[in-house]
Amino acid sequence: MTRTDPPHHGSEREILEGFLEYQRSTVFIKARGLSDADAAKRLLPSLTTVTGLVRHLTDVERYWFREVLLGESDVPFRYSEEDPDGEFRITGTDSIESELTEYASALDKAR
């Protein structure tokens, strides 16, 4: 994946979309190539991991672009009122590549 610098001139929408795409592509650059074990490693006292962050960003894309802006119902999320950290709960079967693929799919729909 390549990352294009966001525009410094243009309409408000062009600049916003440019920065959003820059941040989205940064996720792939930073996470791609990590082993599943490294991506699931907790380096903080919280549940935060690279895999969990990618899953969180997938849910964020779904929420804002599908549920809030498009008004879709039944949008799938990993978190809930019962488990607000659901997207950060990583199991031994979770793969960073499959999570990046799911993130890419969420981005395609958001765009």
Protein backbone atom coordinates (compact mmCIF):
# COMPACT_ATOMS: atom_id res chain seq x y z
CA MET A 1 0.00 0.00 0.00
CA THR A 2 1.25 3.44 -0.83
CA ARG A 3 0.55 6.55 1.15
CA THR A 4 -0.09 9.87 -0.54
CA ASP A 5 0.53 13.08 1.35
CA PRO A 6 -2.71 14.95 1.96
CA PRO A 7 -3.30 18.12 -0.03
CA HIS A 8 -2.44 21.45 1.55
CA HIS A 9 -4.74 23.35 -0.79
CA GLY A 10 -8.20 22.63 -2.09
CA SER A 11 -11.75 22.55 -0.88
CA GLU A 12 -12.51 21.67 2.71
CA ARG A 13 -13.81 18.28 1.56
CA GLU A 14 -10.71 17.55 -0.55
CA ILE A 15 -8.41 18.33 2.36
CA LEU A 16 -10.51 16.33 4.85
CA GLU A 17 -10.67 13.31 2.55
CA GLY A 18 -6.94 13.58 1.83
CA PHE A 19 -6.03 13.52 5.52
CA LEU A 20 -8.49 10.68 6.19
CA GLU A 21 -6.97 8.58 3.40
CA TYR A 22 -3.47 9.38 4.65
CA GLN A 23 -4.38 8.13 8.15
CA ARG A 24 -6.15 5.05 6.79
CA SER A 25 -3.15 4.04 4.67
CA THR A 26 -0.84 4.60 7.65
CA VAL A 27 -2.69 1.83 9.50
CA PHE A 28 -1.80 -0.66 6.77
CA ILE A 29 1.82 0.50 6.58
CA LYS A 30 2.30 0.11 10.34
CA ALA A 31 0.42 -3.19 10.78
CA ARG A 32 1.24 -5.14 7.65
CA GLY A 33 4.01 -7.67 8.10
CA LEU A 34 3.55 -8.10 11.84
CA SER A 35 3.18 -11.66 13.03
CA ASP A 36 -0.13 -12.56 14.65
CA ALA A 37 1.70 -12.88 17.97
CA ASP A 38 3.30 -9.43 17.69
CA ALA A 39 0.03 -7.83 16.60
CA ALA A 40 -1.75 -9.41 19.59
CA LYS A 41 0.95 -8.41 22.10
CA ARG A 42 -0.21 -6.13 24.89
CA LEU A 43 2.36 -3.44 25.60
CA LEU A 44 0.12 -1.41 27.91
CA PRO A 45 -1.87 -2.37 31.02
CA SER A 46 -5.05 -2.07 28.93
CA LEU A 47 -6.36 -4.50 26.28
CA THR A 48 -4.73 -2.38 23.55
CA THR A 49 -2.99 -4.33 20.79
CA VAL A 50 -2.35 -3.61 17.11
CA THR A 51 -4.99 -6.21 16.16
CA GLY A 52 -7.44 -4.62 18.59
CA LEU A 53 -6.76 -1.15 17.18
CA VAL A 54 -7.42 -2.37 13.63
CA ARG A 55 -10.66 -4.00 14.79
CA HIS A 56 -11.61 -0.77 16.60
CA LEU A 57 -10.97 1.29 13.46
CA THR A 58 -13.12 -1.15 11.46
CA ASP A 59 -15.97 -0.57 13.90
CA VAL A 60 -15.41 3.21 13.77
CA GLU A 61 -15.66 3.24 9.96
CA ARG A 62 -18.84 1.15 10.09
CA TYR A 63 -20.40 3.30 12.78
CA TRP A 64 -19.75 6.75 11.32
CA PHE A 65 -20.19 6.07 7.63
CA ARG A 66 -22.85 3.37 7.60
CA GLU A 67 -24.89 3.86 10.75
CA VAL A 68 -24.62 7.62 11.39
CA LEU A 69 -24.32 9.05 7.86
CA LEU A 70 -26.28 6.46 5.87
CA GLY A 71 -28.75 5.51 8.60
CA GLU A 72 -28.21 1.77 8.16
CA SER A 73 -29.43 -0.52 10.91
CA ASP A 74 -27.97 -3.87 11.96
CA VAL A 75 -24.41 -2.73 11.21
CA PRO A 76 -22.07 -5.33 12.80
CA PHE A 77 -19.89 -4.19 15.68
CA ARG A 78 -17.65 -6.09 18.06
CA TYR A 79 -18.38 -3.86 21.03
CA SER A 80 -21.68 -3.63 22.88
CA GLU A 81 -23.10 -2.15 26.05
CA GLU A 82 -22.42 -5.50 27.70
CA ASP A 83 -18.85 -5.61 26.37
CA PRO A 84 -17.59 -2.10 25.54
CA ASP A 85 -14.08 -3.49 24.94
CA GLY A 86 -15.25 -6.29 22.65
CA GLU A 87 -13.15 -5.21 19.68
CA PHE A 88 -10.01 -5.36 21.83
CA ARG A 89 -10.58 -8.95 23.04
CA ILE A 90 -8.14 -10.93 20.92
CA THR A 91 -8.06 -14.71 20.79
CA GLY A 92 -5.37 -17.10 19.60
CA THR A 93 -7.24 -17.59 16.33
CA ASP A 94 -7.36 -13.89 15.35
CA SER A 95 -5.13 -12.98 12.42
CA ILE A 96 -3.82 -9.48 11.73
CA GLU A 97 -4.07 -10.08 7.98
CA SER A 98 -7.73 -11.10 8.22
CA GLU A 99 -8.43 -8.04 10.36
CA LEU A 100 -6.69 -5.79 7.81
CA THR A 101 -8.79 -7.42 5.07
CA GLU A 102 -11.94 -6.70 7.06
CA TYR A 103 -10.76 -3.12 7.65
CA ALA A 104 -10.18 -2.70 3.91
CA SER A 105 -13.71 -3.96 3.25
CA ALA A 106 -15.12 -1.48 5.77
CA LEU A 107 -13.16 1.30 4.04
CA ASP A 108 -14.52 0.31 0.63
CA LYS A 109 -18.07 0.60 1.97
CA ALA A 110 -17.31 3.86 3.78
CA ARG A 111 -15.92 5.46 0.65
